[in-house]
N, C-alpha and C. Protein backbone atom coordinates (compact mmCIF):
# COMPACT_ATOMS: atom_id res chain seq x y z
N MET A 1 -134.93 130.95 120.92
CA MET A 1 -134.91 130.99 119.47
C MET A 1 -135.70 132.20 118.94
N GLN A 2 -136.85 132.47 119.57
CA GLN A 2 -137.68 133.60 119.16
C GLN A 2 -136.95 134.93 119.41
N ASP A 3 -136.22 135.00 120.53
CA ASP A 3 -135.48 136.22 120.85
C ASP A 3 -134.39 136.50 119.81
N GLU A 4 -133.72 135.44 119.37
CA GLU A 4 -132.67 135.60 118.36
C GLU A 4 -133.24 136.05 117.03
N ILE A 5 -134.39 135.55 116.68
CA ILE A 5 -135.04 135.97 115.42
C ILE A 5 -135.47 137.43 115.52
N LYS A 6 -136.03 137.83 116.66
CA LYS A 6 -136.43 139.23 116.84
C LYS A 6 -135.22 140.16 116.80
N THR A 7 -134.11 139.74 117.42
CA THR A 7 -132.89 140.54 117.41
C THR A 7 -132.34 140.67 116.00
N ALA A 8 -132.33 139.58 115.24
CA ALA A 8 -131.86 139.61 113.84
C ALA A 8 -132.77 140.50 113.00
N GLN A 9 -134.10 140.42 113.24
CA GLN A 9 -135.05 141.24 112.49
C GLN A 9 -134.83 142.72 112.80
N LYS A 10 -134.56 143.07 114.07
CA LYS A 10 -134.29 144.46 114.43
C LYS A 10 -133.02 144.96 113.75
N LEU A 11 -132.00 144.09 113.70
CA LEU A 11 -130.74 144.46 113.05
C LEU A 11 -130.95 144.70 111.56
N VAL A 12 -131.71 143.84 110.93
CA VAL A 12 -132.01 144.01 109.50
C VAL A 12 -132.79 145.30 109.27
N ASN A 13 -133.75 145.59 110.14
CA ASN A 13 -134.53 146.83 110.00
C ASN A 13 -133.65 148.06 110.19
N ILE A 14 -132.71 148.01 111.13
CA ILE A 14 -131.80 149.14 111.33
C ILE A 14 -130.92 149.35 110.11
N ILE A 15 -130.41 148.26 109.54
CA ILE A 15 -129.57 148.36 108.35
C ILE A 15 -130.36 148.91 107.17
N ILE A 16 -131.58 148.45 106.99
CA ILE A 16 -132.42 148.95 105.89
C ILE A 16 -132.72 150.42 106.08
N ASP A 17 -133.06 150.83 107.30
CA ASP A 17 -133.32 152.25 107.57
C ASP A 17 -132.08 153.11 107.30
N PHE A 18 -130.90 152.61 107.69
CA PHE A 18 -129.67 153.34 107.45
C PHE A 18 -129.45 153.57 105.96
N PHE A 19 -129.60 152.51 105.16
CA PHE A 19 -129.38 152.65 103.72
C PHE A 19 -130.44 153.51 103.05
N VAL A 20 -131.68 153.43 103.53
CA VAL A 20 -132.73 154.28 102.95
C VAL A 20 -132.45 155.75 103.25
N ASN A 21 -132.00 156.04 104.46
CA ASN A 21 -131.77 157.43 104.85
C ASN A 21 -130.50 158.03 104.26
N TYR A 22 -129.43 157.24 104.16
CA TYR A 22 -128.12 157.81 103.82
C TYR A 22 -127.57 157.37 102.46
N SER A 23 -128.25 156.51 101.76
CA SER A 23 -127.69 156.02 100.49
C SER A 23 -127.60 157.12 99.44
N PHE A 24 -128.59 158.00 99.38
CA PHE A 24 -128.55 159.06 98.38
C PHE A 24 -127.43 160.06 98.67
N GLN A 25 -127.15 160.29 99.96
CA GLN A 25 -126.06 161.18 100.30
C GLN A 25 -124.71 160.58 99.92
N VAL A 26 -124.56 159.28 100.16
CA VAL A 26 -123.31 158.60 99.79
C VAL A 26 -123.15 158.57 98.28
N ILE A 27 -124.23 158.26 97.58
CA ILE A 27 -124.16 158.24 96.11
C ILE A 27 -123.85 159.64 95.58
N GLY A 28 -124.47 160.67 96.16
CA GLY A 28 -124.19 162.05 95.75
C GLY A 28 -122.75 162.45 95.98
N ALA A 29 -122.20 162.05 97.14
CA ALA A 29 -120.80 162.38 97.44
C ALA A 29 -119.86 161.68 96.49
N ILE A 30 -120.12 160.41 96.21
CA ILE A 30 -119.27 159.66 95.27
C ILE A 30 -119.38 160.27 93.88
N LEU A 31 -120.59 160.66 93.48
CA LEU A 31 -120.79 161.29 92.17
C LEU A 31 -120.04 162.62 92.08
N ILE A 32 -120.05 163.40 93.16
CA ILE A 32 -119.32 164.67 93.17
C ILE A 32 -117.82 164.42 93.04
N LEU A 33 -117.31 163.42 93.75
CA LEU A 33 -115.88 163.10 93.66
C LEU A 33 -115.49 162.65 92.26
N VAL A 34 -116.32 161.80 91.65
CA VAL A 34 -116.02 161.33 90.30
C VAL A 34 -116.05 162.48 89.30
N ILE A 35 -117.05 163.34 89.42
CA ILE A 35 -117.13 164.50 88.52
C ILE A 35 -115.94 165.43 88.74
N GLY A 36 -115.55 165.63 90.00
CA GLY A 36 -114.39 166.48 90.29
C GLY A 36 -113.11 165.93 89.69
N ILE A 37 -112.91 164.61 89.78
CA ILE A 37 -111.72 163.99 89.20
C ILE A 37 -111.74 164.11 87.68
N LEU A 38 -112.91 163.90 87.07
CA LEU A 38 -113.00 164.02 85.61
C LEU A 38 -112.74 165.46 85.15
N VAL A 39 -113.29 166.43 85.88
CA VAL A 39 -113.05 167.84 85.53
C VAL A 39 -111.58 168.17 85.70
N ALA A 40 -110.96 167.68 86.76
CA ALA A 40 -109.54 167.94 86.99
C ALA A 40 -108.69 167.36 85.86
N ARG A 41 -109.02 166.15 85.43
CA ARG A 41 -108.27 165.55 84.31
C ARG A 41 -108.44 166.34 83.02
N SER A 42 -109.68 166.75 82.73
CA SER A 42 -109.90 167.47 81.47
C SER A 42 -109.23 168.84 81.49
N VAL A 43 -109.28 169.54 82.64
CA VAL A 43 -108.62 170.84 82.74
C VAL A 43 -107.11 170.68 82.63
N THR A 44 -106.57 169.63 83.25
CA THR A 44 -105.13 169.38 83.17
C THR A 44 -104.70 169.10 81.74
N SER A 45 -105.45 168.27 81.03
CA SER A 45 -105.08 167.99 79.63
C SER A 45 -105.23 169.23 78.77
N PHE A 46 -106.26 170.05 79.03
CA PHE A 46 -106.41 171.30 78.29
C PHE A 46 -105.22 172.22 78.54
N LEU A 47 -104.78 172.31 79.81
CA LEU A 47 -103.63 173.16 80.13
C LEU A 47 -102.36 172.66 79.47
N PHE A 48 -102.15 171.34 79.46
CA PHE A 48 -100.97 170.79 78.79
C PHE A 48 -100.97 171.14 77.31
N LYS A 49 -102.12 171.00 76.65
CA LYS A 49 -102.20 171.32 75.23
C LYS A 49 -101.97 172.81 74.99
N LEU A 50 -102.54 173.64 75.86
CA LEU A 50 -102.36 175.09 75.72
C LEU A 50 -100.90 175.48 75.93
N PHE A 51 -100.25 174.91 76.95
CA PHE A 51 -98.86 175.24 77.22
C PHE A 51 -97.94 174.73 76.12
N GLU A 52 -98.28 173.57 75.56
CA GLU A 52 -97.48 173.04 74.46
C GLU A 52 -97.63 173.91 73.22
N LYS A 53 -98.84 174.39 72.98
CA LYS A 53 -99.10 175.27 71.84
C LYS A 53 -98.36 176.60 71.98
N LYS A 54 -98.25 177.10 73.22
CA LYS A 54 -97.57 178.37 73.48
C LYS A 54 -96.07 178.20 73.70
N ASN A 55 -95.54 176.97 73.57
CA ASN A 55 -94.12 176.64 73.76
C ASN A 55 -93.63 177.06 75.14
N LEU A 56 -94.42 176.78 76.16
CA LEU A 56 -94.03 177.08 77.52
C LEU A 56 -93.09 175.99 78.04
N ASP A 57 -92.25 176.34 79.00
CA ASP A 57 -91.29 175.40 79.55
C ASP A 57 -92.00 174.18 80.13
N VAL A 58 -91.40 173.00 79.97
CA VAL A 58 -92.00 171.75 80.41
C VAL A 58 -92.18 171.73 81.92
N THR A 59 -91.18 172.16 82.66
CA THR A 59 -91.24 172.14 84.11
C THR A 59 -92.35 173.05 84.63
N LEU A 60 -92.44 174.23 84.07
CA LEU A 60 -93.46 175.18 84.49
C LEU A 60 -94.85 174.68 84.14
N SER A 61 -95.01 174.07 82.98
CA SER A 61 -96.33 173.58 82.58
C SER A 61 -96.77 172.42 83.47
N LYS A 62 -95.86 171.51 83.82
CA LYS A 62 -96.21 170.40 84.71
C LYS A 62 -96.57 170.92 86.10
N PHE A 63 -95.81 171.87 86.60
CA PHE A 63 -96.07 172.44 87.91
C PHE A 63 -97.44 173.12 87.96
N THR A 64 -97.73 173.93 86.96
CA THR A 64 -99.00 174.65 86.93
C THR A 64 -100.17 173.68 86.80
N ALA A 65 -100.05 172.70 85.91
CA ALA A 65 -101.14 171.75 85.72
C ALA A 65 -101.38 170.91 86.98
N ALA A 66 -100.32 170.50 87.65
CA ALA A 66 -100.48 169.71 88.88
C ALA A 66 -101.11 170.54 89.99
N THR A 67 -100.74 171.81 90.07
CA THR A 67 -101.32 172.68 91.08
C THR A 67 -102.81 172.88 90.85
N VAL A 68 -103.20 173.12 89.60
CA VAL A 68 -104.61 173.32 89.27
C VAL A 68 -105.39 172.03 89.55
N LYS A 69 -104.82 170.89 89.20
CA LYS A 69 -105.49 169.61 89.45
C LYS A 69 -105.70 169.38 90.94
N GLY A 70 -104.70 169.69 91.75
CA GLY A 70 -104.83 169.54 93.19
C GLY A 70 -105.89 170.45 93.78
N ILE A 71 -105.98 171.67 93.29
CA ILE A 71 -106.98 172.61 93.78
C ILE A 71 -108.39 172.14 93.44
N ILE A 72 -108.59 171.67 92.22
CA ILE A 72 -109.91 171.21 91.80
C ILE A 72 -110.34 169.99 92.61
N ILE A 73 -109.44 169.04 92.82
CA ILE A 73 -109.78 167.84 93.60
C ILE A 73 -110.03 168.21 95.06
N SER A 74 -109.29 169.17 95.59
CA SER A 74 -109.52 169.61 96.98
C SER A 74 -110.92 170.20 97.13
N PHE A 75 -111.34 171.03 96.19
CA PHE A 75 -112.68 171.59 96.24
C PHE A 75 -113.74 170.50 96.12
N ALA A 76 -113.51 169.50 95.27
CA ALA A 76 -114.46 168.40 95.13
C ALA A 76 -114.59 167.62 96.44
N ILE A 77 -113.48 167.40 97.13
CA ILE A 77 -113.52 166.69 98.41
C ILE A 77 -114.27 167.50 99.46
N ILE A 78 -114.05 168.81 99.49
CA ILE A 78 -114.75 169.66 100.46
C ILE A 78 -116.25 169.67 100.19
N ILE A 79 -116.65 169.72 98.92
CA ILE A 79 -118.07 169.69 98.58
C ILE A 79 -118.67 168.33 98.91
N ALA A 80 -117.92 167.25 98.67
CA ALA A 80 -118.42 165.90 99.00
C ALA A 80 -118.60 165.73 100.50
N LEU A 81 -117.71 166.32 101.29
CA LEU A 81 -117.89 166.26 102.75
C LEU A 81 -119.18 166.97 103.17
N GLY A 82 -119.51 168.04 102.48
CA GLY A 82 -120.76 168.74 102.76
C GLY A 82 -121.99 167.89 102.48
N LYS A 83 -121.91 166.98 101.53
CA LYS A 83 -123.03 166.09 101.24
C LYS A 83 -123.29 165.10 102.38
N PHE A 84 -122.29 164.78 103.18
CA PHE A 84 -122.47 163.88 104.31
C PHE A 84 -123.03 164.59 105.53
N GLY A 85 -123.25 165.89 105.43
CA GLY A 85 -123.77 166.64 106.55
C GLY A 85 -122.69 167.23 107.44
N ILE A 86 -121.45 167.12 107.01
CA ILE A 86 -120.35 167.70 107.78
C ILE A 86 -120.31 169.19 107.46
N THR A 87 -120.37 170.01 108.49
CA THR A 87 -120.28 171.45 108.25
C THR A 87 -118.85 171.80 107.84
N ILE A 88 -118.74 172.54 106.80
CA ILE A 88 -117.44 172.77 106.17
C ILE A 88 -116.69 173.94 106.81
N ALA A 89 -117.39 174.94 107.30
CA ALA A 89 -116.75 176.16 107.81
C ALA A 89 -115.78 175.86 108.97
N PRO A 90 -116.16 175.09 109.99
CA PRO A 90 -115.18 174.80 111.05
C PRO A 90 -114.01 173.96 110.55
N PHE A 91 -114.29 173.10 109.58
CA PHE A 91 -113.24 172.27 109.01
C PHE A 91 -112.20 173.14 108.31
N ILE A 92 -112.64 174.11 107.54
CA ILE A 92 -111.72 175.00 106.83
C ILE A 92 -110.97 175.88 107.83
N ALA A 93 -111.65 176.33 108.88
CA ALA A 93 -110.98 177.15 109.90
C ALA A 93 -109.91 176.33 110.62
N ALA A 94 -110.20 175.06 110.90
CA ALA A 94 -109.20 174.20 111.55
C ALA A 94 -108.01 173.96 110.63
N LEU A 95 -108.27 173.77 109.33
CA LEU A 95 -107.18 173.61 108.37
C LEU A 95 -106.30 174.86 108.30
N ALA A 96 -106.94 176.02 108.35
CA ALA A 96 -106.17 177.27 108.31
C ALA A 96 -105.31 177.41 109.56
N ALA A 97 -105.85 177.05 110.72
CA ALA A 97 -105.08 177.14 111.96
C ALA A 97 -103.92 176.15 111.95
N MET A 98 -104.16 174.93 111.43
CA MET A 98 -103.07 173.95 111.34
C MET A 98 -102.00 174.42 110.37
N ALA A 99 -102.41 175.01 109.26
CA ALA A 99 -101.44 175.50 108.28
C ALA A 99 -100.62 176.64 108.87
N PHE A 100 -101.26 177.49 109.66
CA PHE A 100 -100.53 178.59 110.30
C PHE A 100 -99.49 178.06 111.27
N GLY A 101 -99.87 177.08 112.08
CA GLY A 101 -98.92 176.50 113.02
C GLY A 101 -97.84 175.70 112.34
N ALA A 102 -98.20 174.95 111.30
CA ALA A 102 -97.22 174.14 110.59
C ALA A 102 -96.24 174.99 109.80
N SER A 103 -96.67 176.19 109.42
CA SER A 103 -95.77 177.05 108.64
C SER A 103 -94.55 177.46 109.47
N PHE A 104 -94.73 177.62 110.76
CA PHE A 104 -93.59 177.93 111.61
C PHE A 104 -92.70 176.70 111.80
N ALA A 105 -93.30 175.53 111.84
CA ALA A 105 -92.53 174.31 112.06
C ALA A 105 -91.69 173.93 110.84
N ILE A 106 -92.21 174.21 109.67
CA ILE A 106 -91.49 173.80 108.45
C ILE A 106 -90.97 175.00 107.67
N GLN A 107 -90.54 176.00 108.40
CA GLN A 107 -90.09 177.24 107.77
C GLN A 107 -88.87 177.02 106.88
N GLY A 108 -87.91 176.21 107.31
CA GLY A 108 -86.70 175.95 106.52
C GLY A 108 -86.99 175.21 105.22
N PRO A 109 -87.65 174.04 105.29
CA PRO A 109 -87.98 173.34 104.04
C PRO A 109 -88.91 174.14 103.14
N LEU A 110 -89.79 174.95 103.74
CA LEU A 110 -90.68 175.77 102.94
C LEU A 110 -89.91 176.82 102.15
N ALA A 111 -88.81 177.32 102.71
CA ALA A 111 -87.96 178.27 101.99
C ALA A 111 -87.34 177.59 100.78
N ASN A 112 -86.98 176.31 100.92
CA ASN A 112 -86.43 175.58 99.78
C ASN A 112 -87.46 175.43 98.67
N TYR A 113 -88.74 175.18 99.05
CA TYR A 113 -89.79 175.11 98.04
C TYR A 113 -89.97 176.46 97.35
N GLY A 114 -89.87 177.53 98.12
CA GLY A 114 -89.96 178.86 97.54
C GLY A 114 -88.83 179.13 96.57
N ALA A 115 -87.62 178.70 96.94
CA ALA A 115 -86.48 178.88 96.03
C ALA A 115 -86.68 178.06 94.75
N GLY A 116 -87.21 176.86 94.89
CA GLY A 116 -87.50 176.04 93.71
C GLY A 116 -88.54 176.68 92.82
N LEU A 117 -89.55 177.29 93.43
CA LEU A 117 -90.57 177.99 92.66
C LEU A 117 -89.99 179.18 91.92
N VAL A 118 -89.07 179.90 92.55
CA VAL A 118 -88.42 181.03 91.88
C VAL A 118 -87.60 180.53 90.69
N ILE A 119 -86.91 179.42 90.86
CA ILE A 119 -86.13 178.86 89.74
C ILE A 119 -87.05 178.45 88.60
N ILE A 120 -88.20 177.85 88.94
CA ILE A 120 -89.14 177.44 87.90
C ILE A 120 -89.71 178.65 87.18
N LEU A 121 -90.08 179.69 87.92
CA LEU A 121 -90.74 180.84 87.31
C LEU A 121 -89.78 181.73 86.53
N THR A 122 -88.54 181.89 87.01
CA THR A 122 -87.59 182.74 86.28
C THR A 122 -86.91 181.98 85.15
N ARG A 123 -86.96 180.68 85.18
CA ARG A 123 -86.41 179.78 84.16
C ARG A 123 -84.98 180.12 83.74
N PRO A 124 -84.04 180.15 84.68
CA PRO A 124 -82.65 180.39 84.27
C PRO A 124 -82.06 179.18 83.54
N PHE A 125 -82.63 178.01 83.78
CA PHE A 125 -82.17 176.79 83.12
C PHE A 125 -83.33 176.23 82.34
N VAL A 126 -83.08 175.80 81.13
CA VAL A 126 -84.11 175.24 80.26
C VAL A 126 -83.78 173.77 80.05
N VAL A 127 -84.80 172.93 80.05
CA VAL A 127 -84.60 171.50 79.89
C VAL A 127 -83.94 171.22 78.54
N GLY A 128 -82.85 170.45 78.54
CA GLY A 128 -82.17 170.05 77.32
C GLY A 128 -80.99 170.92 76.94
N ARG A 129 -80.77 172.02 77.62
CA ARG A 129 -79.65 172.90 77.29
C ARG A 129 -78.51 172.68 78.27
N THR A 130 -77.30 172.92 77.81
CA THR A 130 -76.12 172.80 78.64
C THR A 130 -75.55 174.18 78.89
N VAL A 131 -75.20 174.45 80.14
CA VAL A 131 -74.62 175.74 80.49
C VAL A 131 -73.10 175.58 80.43
N LEU A 132 -72.46 176.37 79.59
CA LEU A 132 -71.02 176.32 79.42
C LEU A 132 -70.39 177.62 79.91
N GLY A 133 -69.13 177.56 80.26
CA GLY A 133 -68.42 178.78 80.65
C GLY A 133 -67.60 178.55 81.89
N THR A 134 -66.92 179.59 82.32
CA THR A 134 -66.11 179.50 83.54
C THR A 134 -66.92 180.09 84.68
N PHE A 135 -66.88 179.42 85.81
CA PHE A 135 -67.68 179.82 86.94
C PHE A 135 -66.82 179.91 88.18
N ASN A 136 -67.28 180.68 89.13
CA ASN A 136 -66.63 180.77 90.43
C ASN A 136 -66.78 179.42 91.13
N LYS A 137 -65.73 178.92 91.76
CA LYS A 137 -65.78 177.62 92.40
C LYS A 137 -66.71 177.61 93.61
N HIS A 138 -66.89 178.72 94.25
CA HIS A 138 -67.62 178.74 95.50
C HIS A 138 -69.11 179.04 95.32
N PHE A 139 -69.46 179.88 94.37
CA PHE A 139 -70.86 180.27 94.25
C PHE A 139 -71.19 180.62 92.80
N MET A 140 -72.30 180.11 92.35
CA MET A 140 -72.81 180.50 91.05
C MET A 140 -74.30 180.76 91.21
N GLY A 141 -74.72 182.00 91.11
CA GLY A 141 -76.13 182.33 91.24
C GLY A 141 -76.88 181.96 89.98
N ALA A 142 -78.20 181.85 90.12
CA ALA A 142 -79.03 181.47 88.97
C ALA A 142 -78.96 182.52 87.88
N HIS A 143 -78.94 183.79 88.28
CA HIS A 143 -78.88 184.84 87.26
C HIS A 143 -77.52 184.86 86.57
N ALA A 144 -76.44 184.54 87.30
CA ALA A 144 -75.12 184.48 86.67
C ALA A 144 -75.07 183.35 85.64
N ALA A 145 -75.72 182.23 85.95
CA ALA A 145 -75.76 181.12 85.00
C ALA A 145 -76.55 181.52 83.76
N HIS A 146 -77.65 182.24 83.97
CA HIS A 146 -78.47 182.68 82.84
C HIS A 146 -77.69 183.67 81.96
N GLN A 147 -76.94 184.56 82.60
CA GLN A 147 -76.15 185.53 81.83
C GLN A 147 -75.04 184.82 81.06
N THR A 148 -74.42 183.81 81.68
CA THR A 148 -73.35 183.07 81.00
C THR A 148 -73.92 182.32 79.81
N GLU A 149 -75.12 181.72 79.98
CA GLU A 149 -75.73 181.01 78.86
C GLU A 149 -76.06 181.98 77.73
N THR A 150 -76.54 183.17 78.08
CA THR A 150 -76.86 184.16 77.06
C THR A 150 -75.60 184.62 76.33
N LYS A 151 -74.51 184.82 77.05
CA LYS A 151 -73.25 185.21 76.42
C LYS A 151 -72.73 184.10 75.51
N ASN A 152 -72.86 182.84 75.96
CA ASN A 152 -72.41 181.73 75.14
C ASN A 152 -73.25 181.57 73.88
N LYS A 153 -74.54 181.88 73.98
CA LYS A 153 -75.41 181.83 72.80
C LYS A 153 -74.94 182.88 71.79
N ALA A 154 -74.66 184.09 72.30
CA ALA A 154 -74.23 185.17 71.42
C ALA A 154 -72.91 184.84 70.74
N ALA A 155 -72.04 184.10 71.46
CA ALA A 155 -70.73 183.75 70.89
C ALA A 155 -70.81 182.50 70.02
N GLY A 156 -71.98 181.82 70.02
CA GLY A 156 -72.14 180.63 69.18
C GLY A 156 -71.59 179.37 69.82
N LYS A 157 -71.40 179.35 71.15
CA LYS A 157 -70.83 178.19 71.82
C LYS A 157 -71.90 177.18 72.24
N VAL A 158 -73.16 177.56 72.26
CA VAL A 158 -74.20 176.63 72.73
C VAL A 158 -74.78 175.88 71.56
């Protein structure tokens, strides 16, 4: 019975020592994550208001705001990992090496993302508009669609 009490007392002492030593680091990391999420939300809402004020395309504004939010949260996570005593430099180097290797593996789908980004940035299609006109049955490029829409606007068909 005495041995069990001593073992339980040692376990309680180990748990108390763990919380005394590491609780401030855990609280600091959680605080950094919460602040990072709040900053990301406020920056995203500011960007939405700014883009709406400047009459920027809806798709482009959502894409830009989501990208900025992801970057801010990623930095907050990396800083929070540093609070736990994890060295960040090897972690970032490993991420870069994985990204380099994965880029070769997903080269085809990545090209599709690049094409989507080009469509978003050049904005040949605008949300809510209809493209009218005669088109080639086999291929219609984005710039050809944009030119057709511009010609239809000039003719008063849109």
